[in-house]
PDB file of N, CA and C in Angstrom:
ATOM      1  N   MET A   1       3.540  -7.263 -31.471  1.00  0.00           N
ATOM      2  CA  MET A   1       2.834  -7.609 -30.440  1.00  0.00           C
ATOM      3  C   MET A   1       1.826  -6.932 -30.118  1.00  0.00           C
ATOM      4  N   PRO A   2       0.482  -7.219 -30.010  1.00  0.00           N
ATOM      5  CA  PRO A   2      -0.506  -6.304 -29.660  1.00  0.00           C
ATOM      6  C   PRO A   2      -0.491  -5.792 -28.218  1.00  0.00           C
ATOM      7  N   GLU A   3      -0.872  -4.357 -28.193  1.00  0.00           N
ATOM      8  CA  GLU A   3      -0.779  -3.869 -26.936  1.00  0.00           C
ATOM      9  C   GLU A   3      -1.893  -4.149 -25.967  1.00  0.00           C
ATOM     10  N   THR A   4      -1.536  -4.612 -24.817  1.00  0.00           N
ATOM     11  CA  THR A   4      -2.607  -4.939 -24.088  1.00  0.00           C
ATOM     12  C   THR A   4      -3.044  -3.956 -22.833  1.00  0.00           C
ATOM     13  N   LYS A   5      -4.343  -3.626 -22.675  1.00  0.00           N
ATOM     14  CA  LYS A   5      -4.612  -2.767 -21.652  1.00  0.00           C
ATOM     15  C   LYS A   5      -4.824  -3.390 -20.417  1.00  0.00           C
ATOM     16  N   GLN A   6      -4.530  -2.745 -19.244  1.00  0.00           N
ATOM     17  CA  GLN A   6      -4.555  -3.251 -18.005  1.00  0.00           C
ATOM     18  C   GLN A   6      -5.847  -2.672 -17.359  1.00  0.00           C
ATOM     19  N   ARG A   7      -6.857  -3.329 -16.730  1.00  0.00           N
ATOM     20  CA  ARG A   7      -7.849  -2.923 -16.166  1.00  0.00           C
ATOM     21  C   ARG A   7      -7.186  -1.736 -14.913  1.00  0.00           C
ATOM     22  N   PRO A   8      -7.980  -0.929 -14.723  1.00  0.00           N
ATOM     23  CA  PRO A   8      -7.432   0.026 -13.571  1.00  0.00           C
ATOM     24  C   PRO A   8      -7.549  -0.786 -12.393  1.00  0.00           C
ATOM     25  N   ARG A   9      -6.785  -0.816 -11.469  1.00  0.00           N
ATOM     26  CA  ARG A   9      -6.842  -1.460 -10.105  1.00  0.00           C
ATOM     27  C   ARG A   9      -7.789  -0.712  -9.206  1.00  0.00           C
ATOM     28  N   SER A  10      -8.437  -1.571  -8.430  1.00  0.00           N
ATOM     29  CA  SER A  10      -9.558  -1.074  -7.453  1.00  0.00           C
ATOM     30  C   SER A  10      -9.280  -0.892  -6.007  1.00  0.00           C
ATOM     31  N   ARG A  11      -8.066  -1.791  -5.576  1.00  0.00           N
ATOM     32  CA  ARG A  11      -7.550  -1.445  -4.495  1.00  0.00           C
ATOM     33  C   ARG A  11      -6.230  -1.396  -4.175  1.00  0.00           C
ATOM     34  N   TYR A  12      -5.801  -0.665  -2.999  1.00  0.00           N
ATOM     35  CA  TYR A  12      -4.347  -0.372  -2.827  1.00  0.00           C
ATOM     36  C   TYR A  12      -3.881  -1.864  -2.263  1.00  0.00           C
ATOM     37  N   CYS A  13      -2.544  -1.908  -2.017  1.00  0.00           N
ATOM     38  CA  CYS A  13      -1.914  -2.838  -1.724  1.00  0.00           C
ATOM     39  C   CYS A  13      -2.316  -3.437  -0.264  1.00  0.00           C
ATOM     40  N   ASN A  14      -2.779  -2.268   0.536  1.00  0.00           N
ATOM     41  CA  ASN A  14      -3.210  -2.642   1.987  1.00  0.00           C
ATOM     42  C   ASN A  14      -4.378  -3.102   1.991  1.00  0.00           C
ATOM     43  N   GLY A  15      -5.288  -3.009   0.886  1.00  0.00           N
ATOM     44  CA  GLY A  15      -6.810  -3.464   0.705  1.00  0.00           C
ATOM     45  C   GLY A  15      -7.763  -2.409   0.924  1.00  0.00           C
ATOM     46  N   ASP A  16      -7.311  -1.077   1.027  1.00  0.00           N
ATOM     47  CA  ASP A  16      -8.247  -0.013   0.853  1.00  0.00           C
ATOM     48  C   ASP A  16      -8.880   0.212  -0.544  1.00  0.00           C
ATOM     49  N   SER A  17     -10.105   0.476  -0.627  1.00  0.00           N
ATOM     50  CA  SER A  17     -10.562   0.564  -2.120  1.00  0.00           C
ATOM     51  C   SER A  17     -10.179   2.010  -2.522  1.00  0.00           C
ATOM     52  N   ILE A  18     -10.065   1.756  -4.173  1.00  0.00           N
ATOM     53  CA  ILE A  18      -9.796   3.082  -4.665  1.00  0.00           C
ATOM     54  C   ILE A  18     -10.831   3.337  -5.632  1.00  0.00           C
ATOM     55  N   ASP A  19     -11.460   4.727  -5.634  1.00  0.00           N
ATOM     56  CA  ASP A  19     -12.507   5.075  -6.267  1.00  0.00           C
ATOM     57  C   ASP A  19     -12.147   5.636  -7.612  1.00  0.00           C
ATOM     58  N   LEU A  20     -11.002   6.252  -7.954  1.00  0.00           N
ATOM     59  CA  LEU A  20     -10.823   6.954  -9.169  1.00  0.00           C
ATOM     60  C   LEU A  20     -10.184   5.990 -10.109  1.00  0.00           C
ATOM     61  N   LEU A  21     -10.323   6.022 -11.410  1.00  0.00           N
ATOM     62  CA  LEU A  21      -9.905   5.119 -12.513  1.00  0.00           C
ATOM     63  C   LEU A  21      -8.194   5.269 -12.869  1.00  0.00           C
ATOM     64  N   CYS A  22      -7.659   6.286 -12.087  1.00  0.00           N
ATOM     65  CA  CYS A  22      -6.194   6.515 -12.530  1.00  0.00           C
ATOM     66  C   CYS A  22      -5.487   5.563 -11.664  1.00  0.00           C
ATOM     67  N   GLY A  23      -5.973   4.989 -10.387  1.00  0.00           N
ATOM     68  CA  GLY A  23      -5.450   4.087  -9.636  1.00  0.00           C
ATOM     69  C   GLY A  23      -4.899   4.503  -8.356  1.00  0.00           C
ATOM     70  N   CYS A  24      -5.100   5.757  -7.927  1.00  0.00           N
ATOM     71  CA  CYS A  24      -4.989   6.313  -6.771  1.00  0.00           C
ATOM     72  C   CYS A  24      -5.871   7.237  -6.451  1.00  0.00           C
ATOM     73  N   ASN A  25      -6.419   7.471  -5.225  1.00  0.00           N
ATOM     74  CA  ASN A  25      -7.318   8.642  -5.018  1.00  0.00           C
ATOM     75  C   ASN A  25      -6.744  10.051  -4.790  1.00  0.00           C
ATOM     76  N   SER A  26      -5.419  10.234  -4.973  1.00  0.00           N
ATOM     77  CA  SER A  26      -4.786  11.381  -4.451  1.00  0.00           C
ATOM     78  C   SER A  26      -3.850  11.795  -5.729  1.00  0.00           C
ATOM     79  N   CYS A  27      -3.451  10.856  -6.527  1.00  0.00           N
ATOM     80  CA  CYS A  27      -2.485  11.214  -7.477  1.00  0.00           C
ATOM     81  C   CYS A  27      -2.788  10.450  -8.837  1.00  0.00           C
ATOM     82  N   SER A  28      -1.931  10.597  -9.825  1.00  0.00           N
ATOM     83  CA  SER A  28      -2.005   9.953 -11.008  1.00  0.00           C
ATOM     84  C   SER A  28      -0.760   9.133 -11.042  1.00  0.00           C
ATOM     85  N   PRO A  29      -0.407   7.770 -10.441  1.00  0.00           N
ATOM     86  CA  PRO A  29       0.561   7.108 -10.449  1.00  0.00           C
ATOM     87  C   PRO A  29       1.038   6.504 -11.669  1.00  0.00           C
ATOM     88  N   SER A  30       2.294   6.098 -11.693  1.00  0.00           N
ATOM     89  CA  SER A  30       2.936   5.385 -12.752  1.00  0.00           C
ATOM     90  C   SER A  30       3.403   4.107 -12.471  1.00  0.00           C
ATOM     91  N   ARG A  31       3.623   3.355 -13.556  1.00  0.00           N
ATOM     92  CA  ARG A  31       4.056   1.849 -13.251  1.00  0.00           C
ATOM     93  C   ARG A  31       5.589   1.758 -13.831  1.00  0.00           C
ATOM     94  N   VAL A  32       6.448   1.742 -13.147  1.00  0.00           N
ATOM     95  CA  VAL A  32       7.874   1.489 -13.682  1.00  0.00           C
ATOM     96  C   VAL A  32       8.332   0.101 -13.144  1.00  0.00           C
ATOM     97  N   ASP A  33       8.772  -0.531 -14.328  1.00  0.00           N
ATOM     98  CA  ASP A  33       9.421  -1.884 -14.077  1.00  0.00           C
ATOM     99  C   ASP A  33       8.217  -2.870 -13.376  1.00  0.00           C
ATOM    100  N   GLY A  34       6.953  -2.732 -13.269  1.00  0.00           N
ATOM    101  CA  GLY A  34       5.693  -3.326 -12.595  1.00  0.00           C
ATOM    102  C   GLY A  34       5.743  -2.868 -11.200  1.00  0.00           C
ATOM    103  N   VAL A  35       6.299  -1.808 -10.907  1.00  0.00           N
ATOM    104  CA  VAL A  35       6.249  -1.189  -9.548  1.00  0.00           C
ATOM    105  C   VAL A  35       5.452   0.098  -9.780  1.00  0.00           C
ATOM    106  N   ILE A  36       4.430   0.119  -8.638  1.00  0.00           N
ATOM    107  CA  ILE A  36       3.536   1.487  -8.640  1.00  0.00           C
ATOM    108  C   ILE A  36       4.340   2.551  -7.993  1.00  0.00           C
ATOM    109  N   CYS A  37       4.553   3.654  -8.910  1.00  0.00           N
ATOM    110  CA  CYS A  37       5.253   4.827  -8.395  1.00  0.00           C
ATOM    111  C   CYS A  37       4.209   5.959  -8.030  1.00  0.00           C
ATOM    112  N   HIS A  38       3.908   6.524  -6.964  1.00  0.00           N
ATOM    113  CA  HIS A  38       3.163   7.687  -6.545  1.00  0.00           C
ATOM    114  C   HIS A  38       3.743   8.819  -7.173  1.00  0.00           C
ATOM    115  N   GLU A  39       3.082   9.757  -7.324  1.00  0.00           N
ATOM    116  CA  GLU A  39       3.615  11.247  -7.297  1.00  0.00           C
ATOM    117  C   GLU A  39       4.111  11.657  -6.172  1.00  0.00           C
ATOM    118  N   ALA A  40       5.294  12.419  -6.226  1.00  0.00           N
ATOM    119  CA  ALA A  40       5.792  12.919  -4.901  1.00  0.00           C
ATOM    120  C   ALA A  40       4.863  13.689  -4.051  1.00  0.00           C
ATOM    121  N   GLY A  41       4.830  13.421  -2.971  1.00  0.00           N
ATOM    122  CA  GLY A  41       4.036  14.065  -1.892  1.00  0.00           C
ATOM    123  C   GLY A  41       2.599  13.568  -1.841  1.00  0.00           C
ATOM    124  N   CYS A  42       2.230  12.298  -2.425  1.00  0.00           N
ATOM    125  CA  CYS A  42       0.964  11.707  -2.437  1.00  0.00           C
ATOM    126  C   CYS A  42       0.677  11.340  -1.129  1.00  0.00           C
ATOM    127  N   PRO A  43      -0.503  11.737  -0.536  1.00  0.00           N
ATOM    128  CA  PRO A  43      -0.735  11.194   0.901  1.00  0.00           C
ATOM    129  C   PRO A  43      -1.351   9.983   1.112  1.00  0.00           C
ATOM    130  N   ASP A  44      -1.551   9.270   0.012  1.00  0.00           N
ATOM    131  CA  ASP A  44      -1.983   7.992  -0.072  1.00  0.00           C
ATOM    132  C   ASP A  44      -1.012   6.784  -0.448  1.00  0.00           C
ATOM    133  N   ALA A  45       0.239   7.382  -0.656  1.00  0.00           N
ATOM    134  CA  ALA A  45       1.426   6.453  -1.149  1.00  0.00           C
ATOM    135  C   ALA A  45       1.676   5.345  -0.046  1.00  0.00           C
ATOM    136  N   TRP A  46       1.443   5.696   1.231  1.00  0.00           N
ATOM    137  CA  TRP A  46       1.912   4.953   2.409  1.00  0.00           C
ATOM    138  C   TRP A  46       0.968   3.494   2.111  1.00  0.00           C
ATOM    139  N   LYS A  47      -0.162   3.678   1.600  1.00  0.00           N
ATOM    140  CA  LYS A  47      -0.862   2.367   1.280  1.00  0.00           C
ATOM    141  C   LYS A  47      -0.365   1.116   0.221  1.00  0.00           C
ATOM    142  N   ASP A  48       0.598   1.816  -0.372  1.00  0.00           N
ATOM    143  CA  ASP A  48       1.163   0.741  -1.228  1.00  0.00           C
ATOM    144  C   ASP A  48       2.715   0.506  -1.035  1.00  0.00           C
ATOM    145  N   ASN A  49       3.170   1.014   0.118  1.00  0.00           N
ATOM    146  CA  ASN A  49       4.625   0.835   0.604  1.00  0.00           C
ATOM    147  C   ASN A  49       4.709   0.004   1.779  1.00  0.00           C
ATOM    148  N   PRO A  50       5.248  -1.167   1.703  1.00  0.00           N
ATOM    149  CA  PRO A  50       5.274  -2.240   2.727  1.00  0.00           C
ATOM    150  C   PRO A  50       6.285  -1.526   3.879  1.00  0.00           C
ATOM    151  N   LYS A  51       5.967  -1.986   5.022  1.00  0.00           N
ATOM    152  CA  LYS A  51       6.934  -1.440   6.256  1.00  0.00           C
ATOM    153  C   LYS A  51       7.228  -2.882   6.716  1.00  0.00           C
ATOM    154  N   GLU A  52       8.334  -2.745   7.619  1.00  0.00           N
ATOM    155  CA  GLU A  52       9.098  -3.760   8.243  1.00  0.00           C
ATOM    156  C   GLU A  52       8.690  -3.860   9.582  1.00  0.00           C
ATOM    157  N   CYS A  53       8.287  -4.814  10.072  1.00  0.00           N
ATOM    158  CA  CYS A  53       7.947  -5.103  11.429  1.00  0.00           C
ATOM    159  C   CYS A  53       9.055  -5.149  12.355  1.00  0.00           C
ATOM    160  N   SER A  54       8.981  -4.190  13.473  1.00  0.00           N
ATOM    161  CA  SER A  54      10.259  -3.955  14.487  1.00  0.00           C
ATOM    162  C   SER A  54      10.254  -5.209  15.303  1.00  0.00           C
ATOM    163  N   ASN A  55       9.339  -5.855  15.183  1.00  0.00           N
ATOM    164  CA  ASN A  55       9.413  -7.282  16.289  1.00  0.00           C
ATOM    165  C   ASN A  55       9.959  -8.421  15.583  1.00  0.00           C
ATOM    166  N   CYS A  56       9.262  -8.907  14.200  1.00  0.00           N
ATOM    167  CA  CYS A  56       9.769 -10.121  13.746  1.00  0.00           C
ATOM    168  C   CYS A  56      10.364  -9.995  12.254  1.00  0.00           C
ATOM    169  N   ASP A  57      10.459  -8.489  11.926  1.00  0.00           N
ATOM    170  CA  ASP A  57      11.230  -8.171  10.458  1.00  0.00           C
ATOM    171  C   ASP A  57      10.513  -8.564   9.423  1.00  0.00           C
ATOM    172  N   ARG A  58       9.208  -9.078   9.630  1.00  0.00           N
ATOM    173  CA  ARG A  58       8.368  -9.369   8.217  1.00  0.00           C
ATOM    174  C   ARG A  58       7.988  -8.002   7.598  1.00  0.00           C
ATOM    175  N   ASN A  59       7.742  -8.171   6.232  1.00  0.00           N
ATOM    176  CA  ASN A  59       7.188  -6.908   5.718  1.00  0.00           C
ATOM    177  C   ASN A  59       5.585  -6.866   5.744  1.00  0.00           C
ATOM    178  N   TYR A  60       4.978  -5.721   6.001  1.00  0.00           N
ATOM    179  CA  TYR A  60       3.348  -5.816   6.050  1.00  0.00           C
ATOM    180  C   TYR A  60       3.092  -4.624   5.520  1.00  0.00           C
ATOM    181  N   TYR A  61       1.716  -4.417   5.025  1.00  0.00           N
ATOM    182  CA  TYR A  61       1.173  -3.238   4.578  1.00  0.00           C
ATOM    183  C   TYR A  61       0.416  -2.690   5.659  1.00  0.00           C
ATOM    184  N   ALA A  62       0.626  -1.370   6.130  1.00  0.00           N
ATOM    185  CA  ALA A  62      -0.156  -0.823   7.322  1.00  0.00           C
ATOM    186  C   ALA A  62      -1.763  -0.683   6.797  1.00  0.00           C
ATOM    187  N   GLU A  63      -2.624  -1.045   7.748  1.00  0.00           N
ATOM    188  CA  GLU A  63      -4.022  -0.746   7.800  1.00  0.00           C
ATOM    189  C   GLU A  63      -4.435   0.656   7.742  1.00  0.00           C
ATOM    190  N   ARG A  64      -3.788   1.415   8.294  1.00  0.00           N
ATOM    191  CA  ARG A  64      -4.006   2.725   8.567  1.00  0.00           C
ATOM    192  C   ARG A  64      -2.706   3.505   9.035  1.00  0.00           C
ATOM    193  N   ARG A  65      -2.599   4.785   8.684  1.00  0.00           N
ATOM    194  CA  ARG A  65      -1.501   5.452   8.867  1.00  0.00           C
ATOM    195  C   ARG A  65      -1.054   5.529  10.235  1.00  0.00           C
ATOM    196  N   GLY A  66       0.310   5.528  10.546  1.00  0.00           N
ATOM    197  CA  GLY A  66       0.741   5.850  12.150  1.00  0.00           C
ATOM    198  C   GLY A  66       0.637   4.649  12.887  1.00  0.00           C
ATOM    199  N   LEU A  67       0.684   3.470  12.344  1.00  0.00           N
ATOM    200  CA  LEU A  67       0.629   2.100  13.233  1.00  0.00           C
ATOM    201  C   LEU A  67       1.929   2.229  14.048  1.00  0.00           C
ATOM    202  N   PHE A  68       2.270   1.402  15.233  1.00  0.00           N
ATOM    203  CA  PHE A  68       3.318   1.553  16.086  1.00  0.00           C
ATOM    204  C   PHE A  68       4.556   0.625  15.396  1.00  0.00           C
ATOM    205  N   GLY A  69       4.478   0.307  14.099  1.00  0.00           N
ATOM    206  CA  GLY A  69       5.770  -0.358  13.725  1.00  0.00           C
ATOM    207  C   GLY A  69       5.913  -1.693  13.758  1.00  0.00           C
ATOM    208  N   MET A  70       4.610  -2.444  14.228  1.00  0.00           N
ATOM    209  CA  MET A  70       4.625  -3.910  14.297  1.00  0.00           C
ATOM    210  C   MET A  70       3.525  -4.472  13.293  1.00  0.00           C
ATOM    211  N   CYS A  71       3.765  -5.495  12.676  1.00  0.00           N
ATOM    212  CA  CYS A  71       2.833  -6.199  11.956  1.00  0.00           C
ATOM    213  C   CYS A  71       1.557  -6.410  12.625  1.00  0.00           C
ATOM    214  N   PRO A  72       0.460  -6.588  11.903  1.00  0.00           N
ATOM    215  CA  PRO A  72      -0.723  -7.018  12.812  1.00  0.00           C
ATOM    216  C   PRO A  72      -0.757  -8.240  13.579  1.00  0.00           C
ATOM    217  N   ARG A  73      -0.049  -9.014  13.237  1.00  0.00           N
ATOM    218  CA  ARG A  73       0.287 -10.541  14.090  1.00  0.00           C
ATOM    219  C   ARG A  73       0.787  -9.953  15.395  1.00  0.00           C
ATOM    220  N   CYS A  74       2.051  -9.357  15.214  1.00  0.00           N
ATOM    221  CA  CYS A  74       2.890  -9.054  16.458  1.00  0.00           C
ATOM    222  C   CYS A  74       2.110  -8.085  17.496  1.00  0.00           C
ATOM    223  N   SER A  75       1.428  -7.091  16.645  1.00  0.00           N
ATOM    224  CA  SER A  75       0.790  -6.121  17.655  1.00  0.00           C
ATOM    225  C   SER A  75      -0.492  -6.668  18.388  1.00  0.00           C
ATOM    226  N   ARG A  76      -1.153  -7.635  17.825  1.00  0.00           N
ATOM    227  CA  ARG A  76      -2.266  -8.476  18.492  1.00  0.00           C
ATOM    228  C   ARG A  76      -1.546  -9.146  19.661  1.00  0.00           C
ATOM    229  N   PHE A  77      -0.433  -9.912  19.615  1.00  0.00           N
ATOM    230  CA  PHE A  77       0.239 -10.579  20.757  1.00  0.00           C
ATOM    231  C   PHE A  77       0.831  -9.479  21.542  1.00  0.00           C
ATOM    232  N   HIS A  78       1.154  -8.622  21.125  1.00  0.00           N
ATOM    233  CA  HIS A  78       2.152  -7.496  22.076  1.00  0.00           C
ATOM    234  C   HIS A  78       0.944  -6.883  22.755  1.00  0.00           C
ATOM    235  N   PHE A  79      -0.144  -6.236  22.296  1.00  0.00           N
ATOM    236  CA  PHE A  79      -1.244  -5.461  22.860  1.00  0.00           C
ATOM    237  C   PHE A  79      -2.307  -6.261  23.476  1.00  0.00           C
ATOM    238  N   ARG A  80      -2.017  -7.414  23.759  1.00  0.00           N
ATOM    239  CA  ARG A  80      -3.048  -8.145  24.273  1.00  0.00           C
ATOM    240  C   ARG A  80      -3.614  -7.708  25.658  1.00  0.00           C
ATOM    241  N   ALA A  81      -4.796  -7.682  25.826  1.00  0.00           N
ATOM    242  CA  ALA A  81      -5.200  -7.212  27.242  1.00  0.00           C
ATOM    243  C   ALA A  81      -5.196  -8.220  28.398  1.00  0.00           C
TER     244      ALA A  81
END
């Protein structure tokens, strides 16, 4: 079977863009069973790790580090002015 090369990804799972060809702006991640695994201590690993909403229990990808633990849908409803 011929070896297929995958194009380097250009975005993290949360939608932020990646500038380096290795697949992360801070480390050289590997793919294990189709799952991206960042190097230990990578400061950008949170962009590819889903969080669980404390309100509705859905998984979501944080748009920025240090969100309140709620998905964007619940936080819009909860923090409405």
